Amino acid sequence: MKRRIISTAIILFSLHLLIFAQSEKGLKVFISVDMEGITGVVNWEDVDRNGKDYDYFRKMMTEDVNSAIEGALEAGASEIVVRDAHATARNIVIDLLNKNAKLLRDWSGDFKSMVEGIDEKFDAVIFIGYHAKAGTPNAILDHTMSSARIADVSLNGISLPEAGINALIAGLYNVPVVFVAGDLAICSQVKELFGEIQTFAVKEAIGNSAMCLHPDITHQKIHDGVKYALQNIGKYKPYKINSPYTLVLKLKNEESANDRQYYPGVERTGGYELTFKHDDLETVLRAMRSMY
């Protein structure tokens, strides 16, 4: 009996040490930031470097992500990487960014693209400023990767927004997406795709216009949502789709289809449609990157 009690005590003490070590280590958090779903953004001019209000909204982009960083820090994050993932990837104002985060700017050509820098060492992924997939009704600046060329991206019959594509990449490393902020349409789409997910809609589309919340409100809600998600991280699972894989790209014009149909393994399955099949997800994602 004494031996059993001693053994139980040793096991409980070991578990205590493990939990303590994990809490001391802290969370490693990856934040991917797009711009179309940022607080107040409603027009393409708002997110274009030549737009009159672009400088204002790149600051708002920085403030939205700062709210997420502050929530992550309060939840115990010890390392935070921010990936500027819009257009040139040179939008976030670095001297206004919370100094506790590292910032990845510009593009290297890596297939991970909007989540470049993600690996198995991260505990959670957060998407800020995200938008709905191309063709979504009542959505703000909806598109999928390229507003000029791509009408739809689907994998195994599941039509994916950029959040879905990027979540699959994170899933390669078994890292879950735990929080998404953007317009109401993308919040609805990620709930349908991921199931358990914390979201906050900073605005709601009404035709080509948007009903927007004040930045003080959106920033507090982003902060609170990120903090809650990370404090309950066990609720969320990496996003995965089972093999084998069939990728279908529906393009917007013949020129785009002509240019991309010669990628190895691609089959032209319609006038503007390309299909790629493979058993390995990373191979499919690399093909997707090359095709769009």
Protein backbone atom coordinates (compact mmCIF):
# COMPACT_ATOMS: atom_id res chain seq x y z
CA MET A 1 0.00 0.00 0.00
CA LYS A 2 2.84 2.37 0.91
CA ARG A 3 4.54 1.65 -2.42
CA ARG A 4 1.30 2.41 -4.27
CA ILE A 5 0.87 5.70 -2.41
CA ILE A 6 4.49 6.64 -3.12
CA SER A 7 4.11 5.73 -6.82
CA THR A 8 0.95 7.81 -7.10
CA ALA A 9 2.66 10.74 -5.43
CA ILE A 10 5.60 10.49 -7.83
CA ILE A 11 3.24 10.45 -10.85
CA LEU A 12 1.29 13.47 -9.57
CA PHE A 13 4.51 15.35 -8.85
CA SER A 14 5.81 14.56 -12.34
CA LEU A 15 2.59 15.83 -13.90
CA HIS A 16 2.85 18.98 -11.82
CA LEU A 17 6.40 19.55 -13.08
CA LEU A 18 5.28 18.99 -16.70
CA ILE A 19 2.42 21.49 -16.40
CA PHE A 20 4.71 23.97 -14.68
CA ALA A 21 7.33 23.58 -17.41
CA GLN A 22 4.73 24.19 -20.12
CA SER A 23 3.43 27.30 -18.35
CA GLU A 24 6.97 28.57 -17.95
CA LYS A 25 7.64 27.94 -21.64
CA GLY A 26 4.60 29.97 -22.68
CA LEU A 27 2.71 29.84 -25.95
CA LYS A 28 4.21 30.40 -29.36
CA VAL A 29 1.62 32.23 -31.47
CA PHE A 30 1.51 32.94 -35.22
CA ILE A 31 -0.63 35.84 -36.51
CA SER A 32 -1.39 36.22 -40.23
CA VAL A 33 -2.77 39.65 -41.13
CA ASP A 34 -4.67 40.56 -44.29
CA MET A 35 -6.19 43.99 -44.94
CA GLU A 36 -9.63 43.64 -46.54
CA GLY A 37 -11.14 42.54 -43.23
CA ILE A 38 -9.55 45.27 -41.12
CA THR A 39 -11.71 47.64 -39.05
CA GLY A 40 -13.45 50.23 -41.27
CA VAL A 41 -12.11 49.00 -44.64
CA VAL A 42 -14.83 48.96 -47.29
CA ASN A 43 -13.32 49.90 -50.68
CA TRP A 44 -10.40 48.67 -52.78
CA GLU A 45 -8.85 52.14 -52.51
CA ASP A 46 -8.59 51.61 -48.75
CA VAL A 47 -6.16 48.70 -49.24
CA ASP A 48 -4.23 49.96 -52.28
CA ARG A 49 -0.90 51.76 -51.83
CA ASN A 50 -2.11 54.47 -54.22
CA GLY A 51 -5.42 54.97 -52.41
CA LYS A 52 -6.05 58.28 -50.66
CA ASP A 53 -6.88 56.62 -47.34
CA TYR A 54 -4.34 53.75 -47.55
CA ASP A 55 -1.96 55.26 -44.96
CA TYR A 56 -4.81 55.61 -42.48
CA PHE A 57 -5.93 52.01 -42.94
CA ARG A 58 -2.42 50.55 -42.76
CA LYS A 59 -2.24 52.16 -39.31
CA MET A 60 -5.63 50.66 -38.50
CA MET A 61 -4.27 47.28 -39.70
CA THR A 62 -1.40 47.71 -37.24
CA GLU A 63 -3.78 48.62 -34.42
CA ASP A 64 -6.03 45.61 -35.12
CA VAL A 65 -3.04 43.25 -34.91
CA ASN A 66 -1.71 45.03 -31.80
CA SER A 67 -5.02 44.21 -30.11
CA ALA A 68 -4.46 40.53 -30.96
CA ILE A 69 -0.86 40.68 -29.71
CA GLU A 70 -1.91 42.22 -26.40
CA GLY A 71 -4.58 39.55 -25.92
CA ALA A 72 -2.03 36.84 -26.70
CA LEU A 73 0.47 38.26 -24.22
CA GLU A 74 -2.14 38.34 -21.46
CA ALA A 75 -2.97 34.70 -22.25
CA GLY A 76 0.67 33.70 -21.71
CA ALA A 77 2.28 33.97 -25.14
CA SER A 78 6.06 34.09 -24.88
CA GLU A 79 6.79 34.38 -28.61
CA ILE A 80 4.65 35.99 -31.33
CA VAL A 81 5.34 36.12 -35.07
CA VAL A 82 3.24 38.44 -37.25
CA ARG A 83 3.03 37.73 -40.99
CA ASP A 84 2.05 40.77 -43.09
CA ALA A 85 -0.02 38.94 -45.70
CA HIS A 86 -1.66 41.61 -47.84
CA ALA A 87 -0.61 42.55 -51.42
CA THR A 88 3.03 43.74 -51.18
CA ALA A 89 3.29 42.33 -47.64
CA ARG A 90 4.73 45.72 -46.68
CA ASN A 91 1.73 47.33 -45.00
CA ILE A 92 2.04 47.06 -41.22
CA VAL A 93 3.74 50.13 -39.73
CA ILE A 94 6.65 48.49 -37.93
CA ASP A 95 7.42 51.23 -35.41
CA LEU A 96 3.77 51.20 -34.30
CA LEU A 97 3.71 47.41 -33.92
CA ASN A 98 3.87 46.00 -30.40
CA LYS A 99 7.58 45.43 -29.74
CA ASN A 100 6.92 41.99 -28.25
CA ALA A 101 6.20 40.60 -31.75
CA LYS A 102 8.46 39.83 -34.68
CA LEU A 103 7.26 40.93 -38.14
CA LEU A 104 7.72 39.05 -41.42
CA ARG A 105 7.46 41.41 -44.41
CA ASP A 106 7.51 40.91 -48.21
CA TRP A 107 7.32 37.62 -50.13
CA SER A 108 10.01 34.97 -50.56
CA GLY A 109 8.06 32.77 -52.98
CA ASP A 110 7.57 30.03 -50.37
CA PHE A 111 4.42 27.96 -50.92
CA LYS A 112 3.20 28.85 -47.41
CA SER A 113 2.69 32.42 -48.60
CA MET A 114 0.27 34.11 -46.18
CA VAL A 115 1.41 31.84 -43.34
CA GLU A 116 5.08 31.73 -44.28
CA GLY A 117 7.09 31.13 -41.12
CA ILE A 118 4.65 28.63 -39.61
CA ASP A 119 6.09 25.35 -38.34
CA GLU A 120 5.44 22.64 -35.77
CA LYS A 121 6.89 24.74 -32.93
CA PHE A 122 3.82 27.02 -32.86
CA ASP A 123 0.87 26.35 -30.56
CA ALA A 124 -1.80 28.44 -32.29
CA VAL A 125 -2.62 30.51 -35.37
CA ILE A 126 -4.68 33.71 -35.47
CA PHE A 127 -6.09 35.38 -38.60
CA ILE A 128 -6.70 39.14 -38.46
CA GLY A 129 -8.27 41.24 -41.25
CA TYR A 130 -9.44 38.24 -43.28
CA HIS A 131 -12.20 38.27 -45.91
CA ALA A 132 -14.67 35.89 -47.53
CA LYS A 133 -14.01 33.77 -50.62
CA ALA A 134 -14.71 34.97 -54.16
CA GLY A 135 -18.38 35.24 -55.05
CA THR A 136 -19.69 35.44 -51.49
CA PRO A 137 -22.86 37.57 -51.29
CA ASN A 138 -22.92 40.38 -48.73
CA ALA A 139 -19.18 40.27 -48.20
CA ILE A 140 -16.61 43.05 -48.23
CA LEU A 141 -13.90 42.88 -50.94
CA ASP A 142 -14.42 39.11 -51.28
CA HIS A 143 -11.90 37.22 -53.41
CA THR A 144 -9.69 34.14 -53.31
CA MET A 145 -5.97 34.80 -53.67
CA SER A 146 -6.34 36.80 -56.89
CA SER A 147 -9.36 39.02 -57.49
CA ALA A 148 -8.39 39.32 -61.16
CA ARG A 149 -7.82 35.65 -62.01
CA ILE A 150 -9.50 33.17 -59.63
CA ALA A 151 -13.23 32.48 -59.30
CA ASP A 152 -12.99 29.53 -56.89
CA VAL A 153 -10.54 27.14 -55.22
CA SER A 154 -11.86 23.80 -54.01
CA LEU A 155 -10.26 20.72 -52.47
CA ASN A 156 -12.18 17.45 -52.48
CA GLY A 157 -15.31 19.40 -53.33
CA ILE A 158 -14.90 21.88 -50.44
CA SER A 159 -14.82 25.49 -51.67
CA LEU A 160 -12.14 27.32 -49.68
CA PRO A 161 -11.56 30.93 -48.68
CA GLU A 162 -7.98 32.02 -48.07
CA ALA A 163 -8.54 31.23 -44.38
CA GLY A 164 -9.25 27.61 -45.32
CA ILE A 165 -6.16 27.34 -47.53
CA ASN A 166 -3.94 28.84 -44.86
CA ALA A 167 -5.47 26.69 -42.14
CA LEU A 168 -4.61 23.59 -44.19
CA ILE A 169 -1.00 24.74 -44.38
CA ALA A 170 -0.95 25.23 -40.60
CA GLY A 171 -2.54 21.79 -40.32
CA LEU A 172 0.49 20.26 -42.01
CA TYR A 173 2.31 21.12 -38.77
CA ASN A 174 -0.65 20.18 -36.52
CA VAL A 175 -1.21 23.80 -35.49
CA PRO A 176 -4.85 24.90 -35.02
CA VAL A 177 -6.43 28.19 -36.04
CA VAL A 178 -8.07 29.48 -32.84
CA PHE A 179 -9.31 32.98 -33.72
CA VAL A 180 -10.43 34.85 -36.85
CA ALA A 181 -11.37 38.54 -37.20
CA GLY A 182 -12.83 40.06 -40.35
CA ASP A 183 -16.26 40.79 -41.76
CA LEU A 184 -19.34 38.80 -40.82
CA ALA A 185 -19.15 36.70 -44.00
CA ILE A 186 -15.69 35.25 -43.31
CA CYS A 187 -16.64 34.61 -39.69
CA SER A 188 -19.56 32.50 -40.92
CA GLN A 189 -17.38 30.65 -43.44
CA VAL A 190 -14.67 29.65 -40.95
CA LYS A 191 -17.26 28.43 -38.46
CA GLU A 192 -18.67 26.18 -41.16
CA LEU A 193 -15.21 24.92 -42.14
CA PHE A 194 -13.46 24.56 -38.78
CA GLY A 195 -16.31 23.90 -36.38
CA GLU A 196 -14.87 25.06 -33.05
CA ILE A 197 -13.39 28.53 -33.65
CA GLN A 198 -13.47 31.90 -31.91
CA THR A 199 -14.40 34.80 -34.22
CA PHE A 200 -15.26 38.48 -34.18
CA ALA A 201 -16.92 40.43 -37.00
CA VAL A 202 -15.61 44.01 -37.14
CA LYS A 203 -18.19 44.93 -39.83
CA GLU A 204 -21.12 43.61 -41.85
CA ALA A 205 -21.68 44.13 -45.57
CA ILE A 206 -24.86 45.76 -46.86
CA GLY A 207 -24.49 45.45 -50.62
CA ASN A 208 -21.38 47.42 -51.54
CA SER A 209 -21.41 49.28 -48.23
CA ALA A 210 -20.60 48.12 -44.72
CA MET A 211 -21.93 48.70 -41.24
CA CYS A 212 -18.73 49.30 -39.24
CA LEU A 213 -18.00 49.27 -35.52
CA HIS A 214 -15.86 51.91 -33.81
CA PRO A 215 -12.17 50.94 -33.52
CA ASP A 216 -12.29 51.14 -29.73
CA ILE A 217 -14.93 48.42 -29.76
CA THR A 218 -13.28 46.19 -32.38
CA HIS A 219 -9.89 46.41 -30.70
CA GLN A 220 -11.28 45.44 -27.31
CA LYS A 221 -13.24 42.56 -28.84
CA ILE A 222 -10.22 41.27 -30.79
CA HIS A 223 -8.12 41.48 -27.62
CA ASP A 224 -10.73 39.63 -25.57
CA GLY A 225 -11.39 37.01 -28.26
CA VAL A 226 -7.72 36.16 -28.73
CA LYS A 227 -7.14 35.98 -24.99
CA TYR A 228 -10.13 33.67 -24.52
CA ALA A 229 -9.13 31.43 -27.44
CA LEU A 230 -5.57 30.97 -26.18
CA GLN A 231 -6.71 30.36 -22.61
CA ASN A 232 -8.95 27.57 -23.99
CA ILE A 233 -6.54 26.29 -26.62
CA GLY A 234 -7.46 22.64 -26.05
CA LYS A 235 -10.86 23.24 -27.68
CA TYR A 236 -9.42 23.76 -31.15
CA LYS A 237 -8.13 21.19 -33.63
CA PRO A 238 -5.87 21.55 -36.67
CA TYR A 239 -7.85 21.81 -39.92
CA LYS A 240 -7.35 18.77 -42.13
CA ILE A 241 -8.92 17.18 -45.22
CA ASN A 242 -8.35 13.49 -45.85
CA SER A 243 -6.27 12.11 -48.73
CA PRO A 244 -6.45 11.54 -51.71
CA TYR A 245 -6.79 15.11 -52.92
CA THR A 246 -8.51 16.67 -55.91
CA LEU A 247 -7.77 20.37 -56.35
CA VAL A 248 -9.99 22.35 -58.73
CA LEU A 249 -9.20 25.93 -59.74
CA LYS A 250 -11.93 27.84 -61.54
CA LEU A 251 -10.38 30.81 -63.29
CA LYS A 252 -11.96 33.99 -64.61
CA ASN A 253 -10.57 34.07 -68.14
CA GLU A 254 -9.07 31.92 -70.86
CA GLU A 255 -5.67 33.60 -70.66
CA SER A 256 -5.23 32.51 -67.03
CA ALA A 257 -6.23 28.93 -67.90
CA ASN A 258 -3.87 28.85 -70.87
CA ASP A 259 -0.94 30.07 -68.78
CA ARG A 260 -1.41 27.54 -65.98
CA GLN A 261 -2.52 24.36 -67.73
CA TYR A 262 1.06 23.22 -68.37
CA TYR A 263 2.04 22.82 -64.71
CA PRO A 264 3.10 19.13 -64.30
CA GLY A 265 0.10 16.99 -63.39
CA VAL A 266 -2.54 19.59 -64.21
CA GLU A 267 -5.52 18.59 -66.35
CA ARG A 268 -7.71 21.15 -68.06
CA THR A 269 -11.21 19.99 -67.12
CA GLY A 270 -13.17 22.95 -68.47
CA GLY A 271 -12.81 26.12 -70.43
CA TYR A 272 -11.53 28.03 -67.42
CA GLU A 273 -11.08 25.07 -65.04
CA LEU A 274 -7.89 23.24 -64.01
CA THR A 275 -7.68 20.06 -61.90
CA PHE A 276 -4.73 18.58 -60.02
CA LYS A 277 -4.78 15.25 -58.13
CA HIS A 278 -2.29 13.83 -55.66
CA ASP A 279 -2.11 11.83 -52.42
CA ASP A 280 0.25 14.27 -50.65
CA LEU A 281 -1.21 17.54 -49.34
CA GLU A 282 2.01 19.53 -49.44
CA THR A 283 2.45 18.58 -53.11
CA VAL A 284 -1.10 19.80 -53.77
CA LEU A 285 -0.52 23.06 -51.90
CA ARG A 286 2.71 23.68 -53.77
CA ALA A 287 0.87 23.06 -57.05
CA MET A 288 -1.88 25.43 -55.96
CA ARG A 289 0.67 28.15 -55.24
CA SER A 290 2.26 27.71 -58.68
CA MET A 291 -1.10 27.66 -60.44
CA TYR A 292 -2.43 30.91 -58.96
